[in-house]
């Protein structure tokens, strides 16, 4: 799976939020979807495994 296909869980596992906080923030802000599995918010539906739109 390529970097552009990785979900937030994969990025957190790789410690992106620690190694490159600004890149991680771009994936989560502004949150338009959340994962129905883990609850993480994301800027795009494809950034989480089981997305649900925030309305």
PDB file of N, CA and C in Angstrom:
ATOM      1  N   UNK A   1       0.850  -1.182   0.000  1.00  0.00           N
ATOM      2  CA  UNK A   1       0.000   0.000   0.000  1.00  0.00           C
ATOM      3  C   UNK A   1       0.886   1.232   0.000  1.00  0.00           C
ATOM      4  N   UNK A   2       0.654   2.173  -0.911  1.00  0.00           N
ATOM      5  CA  UNK A   2       1.473   3.374  -1.027  1.00  0.00           C
ATOM      6  C   UNK A   2       1.152   4.391   0.048  1.00  0.00           C
ATOM      7  N   UNK A   3       2.052   5.347   0.223  1.00  0.00           N
ATOM      8  CA  UNK A   3       1.872   6.399   1.218  1.00  0.00           C
ATOM      9  C   UNK A   3       0.552   7.137   1.037  1.00  0.00           C
ATOM     10  N   UNK A   4       0.149   7.395  -0.219  1.00  0.00           N
ATOM     11  CA  UNK A   4      -1.066   8.158  -0.470  1.00  0.00           C
ATOM     12  C   UNK A   4      -2.321   7.342  -0.177  1.00  0.00           C
ATOM     13  N   UNK A   5      -2.217   6.033  -0.004  1.00  0.00           N
ATOM     14  CA  UNK A   5      -3.371   5.171   0.275  1.00  0.00           C
ATOM     15  C   UNK A   5      -3.451   4.791   1.754  1.00  0.00           C
ATOM     16  N   UNK A   6      -2.498   5.213   2.547  1.00  0.00           N
ATOM     17  CA  UNK A   6      -2.442   4.843   3.957  1.00  0.00           C
ATOM     18  C   UNK A   6      -3.506   5.613   4.740  1.00  0.00           C
ATOM     19  N   UNK A   7      -4.172   4.933   5.663  1.00  0.00           N
ATOM     20  CA  UNK A   7      -5.157   5.600   6.508  1.00  0.00           C
ATOM     21  C   UNK A   7      -4.457   6.245   7.707  1.00  0.00           C
ATOM     22  N   UNK A   8      -5.211   7.021   8.466  1.00  0.00           N
ATOM     23  CA  UNK A   8      -4.630   7.670   9.638  1.00  0.00           C
ATOM     24  C   UNK A   8      -4.055   6.669  10.623  1.00  0.00           C
ATOM     25  N   UNK A   9      -4.695   5.515  10.771  1.00  0.00           N
ATOM     26  CA  UNK A   9      -4.150   4.491  11.681  1.00  0.00           C
ATOM     27  C   UNK A   9      -2.735   4.091  11.260  1.00  0.00           C
ATOM     28  N   UNK A  10      -2.532   3.913   9.963  1.00  0.00           N
ATOM     29  CA  UNK A  10      -1.207   3.570   9.452  1.00  0.00           C
ATOM     30  C   UNK A  10      -0.205   4.684   9.667  1.00  0.00           C
ATOM     31  N   UNK A  11      -0.646   5.918   9.476  1.00  0.00           N
ATOM     32  CA  UNK A  11       0.248   7.060   9.697  1.00  0.00           C
ATOM     33  C   UNK A  11       0.630   7.196  11.168  1.00  0.00           C
ATOM     34  N   UNK A  12      -0.329   6.957  12.061  1.00  0.00           N
ATOM     35  CA  UNK A  12      -0.030   7.020  13.493  1.00  0.00           C
ATOM     36  C   UNK A  12       0.917   5.887  13.874  1.00  0.00           C
ATOM     37  N   UNK A  13       0.699   4.711  13.310  1.00  0.00           N
ATOM     38  CA  UNK A  13       1.595   3.578  13.567  1.00  0.00           C
ATOM     39  C   UNK A  13       3.024   3.916  13.142  1.00  0.00           C
ATOM     40  N   UNK A  14       3.151   4.661  12.043  1.00  0.00           N
ATOM     41  CA  UNK A  14       4.465   5.098  11.555  1.00  0.00           C
ATOM     42  C   UNK A  14       4.950   6.365  12.245  1.00  0.00           C
ATOM     43  N   UNK A  15       4.171   6.860  13.201  1.00  0.00           N
ATOM     44  CA  UNK A  15       4.498   8.048  14.003  1.00  0.00           C
ATOM     45  C   UNK A  15       4.612   9.332  13.182  1.00  0.00           C
ATOM     46  N   UNK A  16       3.787   9.469  12.138  1.00  0.00           N
ATOM     47  CA  UNK A  16       3.799  10.696  11.348  1.00  0.00           C
ATOM     48  C   UNK A  16       3.470  11.904  12.217  1.00  0.00           C
ATOM     49  N   UNK A  17       2.557  11.733  13.164  1.00  0.00           N
ATOM     50  CA  UNK A  17       2.159  12.839  14.045  1.00  0.00           C
ATOM     51  C   UNK A  17       3.326  13.340  14.898  1.00  0.00           C
ATOM     52  N   UNK A  18       4.334  12.504  15.116  1.00  0.00           N
ATOM     53  CA  UNK A  18       5.526  12.889  15.867  1.00  0.00           C
ATOM     54  C   UNK A  18       6.617  13.379  14.913  1.00  0.00           C
ATOM     55  N   UNK A  19       6.826  12.654  13.816  1.00  0.00           N
ATOM     56  CA  UNK A  19       7.906  12.950  12.878  1.00  0.00           C
ATOM     57  C   UNK A  19       7.636  14.183  12.027  1.00  0.00           C
ATOM     58  N   UNK A  20       6.375  14.391  11.634  1.00  0.00           N
ATOM     59  CA  UNK A  20       6.023  15.520  10.759  1.00  0.00           C
ATOM     60  C   UNK A  20       4.614  16.011  11.107  1.00  0.00           C
ATOM     61  N   UNK A  21       4.491  16.712  12.239  1.00  0.00           N
ATOM     62  CA  UNK A  21       3.174  17.154  12.686  1.00  0.00           C
ATOM     63  C   UNK A  21       2.393  17.955  11.645  1.00  0.00           C
ATOM     64  N   UNK A  22       3.062  18.786  10.872  1.00  0.00           N
ATOM     65  CA  UNK A  22       2.357  19.596   9.870  1.00  0.00           C
ATOM     66  C   UNK A  22       1.733  18.722   8.780  1.00  0.00           C
ATOM     67  N   UNK A  23       2.415  17.682   8.360  1.00  0.00           N
ATOM     68  CA  UNK A  23       1.856  16.759   7.363  1.00  0.00           C
ATOM     69  C   UNK A  23       0.645  16.036   7.942  1.00  0.00           C
ATOM     70  N   UNK A  24       0.729  15.653   9.212  1.00  0.00           N
ATOM     71  CA  UNK A  24      -0.393  14.978   9.862  1.00  0.00           C
ATOM     72  C   UNK A  24      -1.588  15.921   9.975  1.00  0.00           C
ATOM     73  N   UNK A  25      -1.340  17.164  10.354  1.00  0.00           N
ATOM     74  CA  UNK A  25      -2.416  18.152  10.489  1.00  0.00           C
ATOM     75  C   UNK A  25      -3.137  18.338   9.162  1.00  0.00           C
ATOM     76  N   UNK A  26      -2.414  18.311   8.050  1.00  0.00           N
ATOM     77  CA  UNK A  26      -3.046  18.452   6.730  1.00  0.00           C
ATOM     78  C   UNK A  26      -4.018  17.306   6.450  1.00  0.00           C
ATOM     79  N   UNK A  27      -3.773  16.137   7.036  1.00  0.00           N
ATOM     80  CA  UNK A  27      -4.658  14.986   6.847  1.00  0.00           C
ATOM     81  C   UNK A  27      -5.917  15.075   7.701  1.00  0.00           C
ATOM     82  N   UNK A  28      -5.861  15.837   8.786  1.00  0.00           N
ATOM     83  CA  UNK A  28      -6.989  15.847   9.718  1.00  0.00           C
ATOM     84  C   UNK A  28      -7.754  17.162   9.787  1.00  0.00           C
ATOM     85  N   UNK A  29      -7.200  18.230   9.239  1.00  0.00           N
ATOM     86  CA  UNK A  29      -7.841  19.544   9.391  1.00  0.00           C
ATOM     87  C   UNK A  29      -8.100  20.194   8.051  1.00  0.00           C
ATOM     88  N   UNK A  30      -9.262  20.699   7.796  1.00  0.00           N
ATOM     89  CA  UNK A  30     -10.449  20.649   8.647  1.00  0.00           C
ATOM     90  C   UNK A  30     -11.145  19.299   8.492  1.00  0.00           C
ATOM     91  N   UNK A  31     -11.573  18.741   9.581  1.00  0.00           N
ATOM     92  CA  UNK A  31     -12.215  17.424   9.572  1.00  0.00           C
ATOM     93  C   UNK A  31     -13.586  17.497   8.895  1.00  0.00           C
ATOM     94  N   UNK A  32     -13.767  16.632   7.902  1.00  0.00           N
ATOM     95  CA  UNK A  32     -15.052  16.528   7.201  1.00  0.00           C
ATOM     96  C   UNK A  32     -15.652  15.136   7.364  1.00  0.00           C
ATOM     97  N   UNK A  33     -14.833  14.192   7.826  1.00  0.00           N
ATOM     98  CA  UNK A  33     -15.261  12.802   8.033  1.00  0.00           C
ATOM     99  C   UNK A  33     -14.632  12.276   9.321  1.00  0.00           C
ATOM    100  N   UNK A  34     -15.229  11.236   9.872  1.00  0.00           N
ATOM    101  CA  UNK A  34     -14.615  10.542  10.997  1.00  0.00           C
ATOM    102  C   UNK A  34     -14.705   9.049  10.742  1.00  0.00           C
ATOM    103  N   UNK A  35     -13.811   8.306  11.385  1.00  0.00           N
ATOM    104  CA  UNK A  35     -13.790   6.853  11.238  1.00  0.00           C
ATOM    105  C   UNK A  35     -14.773   6.249  12.233  1.00  0.00           C
ATOM    106  N   UNK A  36     -15.673   5.434  11.732  1.00  0.00           N
ATOM    107  CA  UNK A  36     -16.657   4.786  12.597  1.00  0.00           C
ATOM    108  C   UNK A  36     -16.040   3.656  13.419  1.00  0.00           C
ATOM    109  N   UNK A  37     -14.781   3.296  13.116  1.00  0.00           N
ATOM    110  CA  UNK A  37     -14.089   2.260  13.886  1.00  0.00           C
ATOM    111  C   UNK A  37     -13.307   2.862  15.052  1.00  0.00           C
ATOM    112  N   UNK A  38     -12.404   3.806  14.746  1.00  0.00           N
ATOM    113  CA  UNK A  38     -11.505   4.329  15.777  1.00  0.00           C
ATOM    114  C   UNK A  38     -11.881   5.729  16.258  1.00  0.00           C
ATOM    115  N   UNK A  39     -12.730   6.439  15.501  1.00  0.00           N
ATOM    116  CA  UNK A  39     -13.171   7.764  15.917  1.00  0.00           C
ATOM    117  C   UNK A  39     -12.293   8.906  15.452  1.00  0.00           C
ATOM    118  N   UNK A  40     -11.221   8.621  14.728  1.00  0.00           N
ATOM    119  CA  UNK A  40     -10.353   9.700  14.247  1.00  0.00           C
ATOM    120  C   UNK A  40     -11.091  10.564  13.233  1.00  0.00           C
ATOM    121  N   UNK A  41     -10.826  11.877  13.283  1.00  0.00           N
ATOM    122  CA  UNK A  41     -11.366  12.798  12.304  1.00  0.00           C
ATOM    123  C   UNK A  41     -10.379  12.971  11.166  1.00  0.00           C
ATOM    124  N   UNK A  42     -10.884  13.265   9.962  1.00  0.00           N
ATOM    125  CA  UNK A  42     -10.020  13.405   8.790  1.00  0.00           C
ATOM    126  C   UNK A  42     -10.570  14.446   7.833  1.00  0.00           C
ATOM    127  N   UNK A  43      -9.671  15.057   7.064  1.00  0.00           N
ATOM    128  CA  UNK A  43     -10.063  16.054   6.080  1.00  0.00           C
ATOM    129  C   UNK A  43     -10.696  15.418   4.845  1.00  0.00           C
ATOM    130  N   UNK A  44     -10.391  14.148   4.571  1.00  0.00           N
ATOM    131  CA  UNK A  44     -10.935  13.439   3.411  1.00  0.00           C
ATOM    132  C   UNK A  44     -11.385  12.046   3.830  1.00  0.00           C
ATOM    133  N   UNK A  45     -12.442  11.561   3.204  1.00  0.00           N
ATOM    134  CA  UNK A  45     -12.973  10.234   3.536  1.00  0.00           C
ATOM    135  C   UNK A  45     -11.933   9.141   3.352  1.00  0.00           C
ATOM    136  N   UNK A  46     -11.092   9.258   2.338  1.00  0.00           N
ATOM    137  CA  UNK A  46     -10.114   8.199   2.058  1.00  0.00           C
ATOM    138  C   UNK A  46      -9.001   8.118   3.103  1.00  0.00           C
ATOM    139  N   UNK A  47      -8.948   9.072   4.038  1.00  0.00           N
ATOM    140  CA  UNK A  47      -7.919   9.048   5.072  1.00  0.00           C
ATOM    141  C   UNK A  47      -8.283   8.156   6.263  1.00  0.00           C
ATOM    142  N   UNK A  48      -9.496   7.618   6.275  1.00  0.00           N
ATOM    143  CA  UNK A  48      -9.915   6.714   7.349  1.00  0.00           C
ATOM    144  C   UNK A  48     -10.508   5.435   6.756  1.00  0.00           C
ATOM    145  N   UNK A  49     -10.525   4.369   7.552  1.00  0.00           N
ATOM    146  CA  UNK A  49     -10.974   3.050   7.078  1.00  0.00           C
ATOM    147  C   UNK A  49     -12.470   2.961   6.850  1.00  0.00           C
ATOM    148  N   UNK A  50     -13.248   3.536   7.754  1.00  0.00           N
ATOM    149  CA  UNK A  50     -14.701   3.385   7.731  1.00  0.00           C
ATOM    150  C   UNK A  50     -15.325   4.770   7.891  1.00  0.00           C
ATOM    151  N   UNK A  51     -15.276   5.595   6.820  1.00  0.00           N
ATOM    152  CA  UNK A  51     -15.659   6.996   6.947  1.00  0.00           C
ATOM    153  C   UNK A  51     -17.155   7.245   7.060  1.00  0.00           C
ATOM    154  N   UNK A  52     -17.477   8.290   7.798  1.00  0.00           N
ATOM    155  CA  UNK A  52     -18.839   8.818   7.872  1.00  0.00           C
ATOM    156  C   UNK A  52     -18.692  10.339   7.822  1.00  0.00           C
ATOM    157  N   UNK A  53     -19.469  10.958   6.967  1.00  0.00           N
ATOM    158  CA  UNK A  53     -19.390  12.409   6.794  1.00  0.00           C
ATOM    159  C   UNK A  53     -19.875  13.125   8.050  1.00  0.00           C
ATOM    160  N   UNK A  54     -19.158  14.174   8.411  1.00  0.00           N
ATOM    161  CA  UNK A  54     -19.571  15.042   9.510  1.00  0.00           C
ATOM    162  C   UNK A  54     -20.458  16.109   8.890  1.00  0.00           C
ATOM    163  N   UNK A  55     -21.678  16.200   9.376  1.00  0.00           N
ATOM    164  CA  UNK A  55     -22.614  17.180   8.824  1.00  0.00           C
ATOM    165  C   UNK A  55     -22.907  18.273   9.813  1.00  0.00           C
TER     166      UNK A  55
END
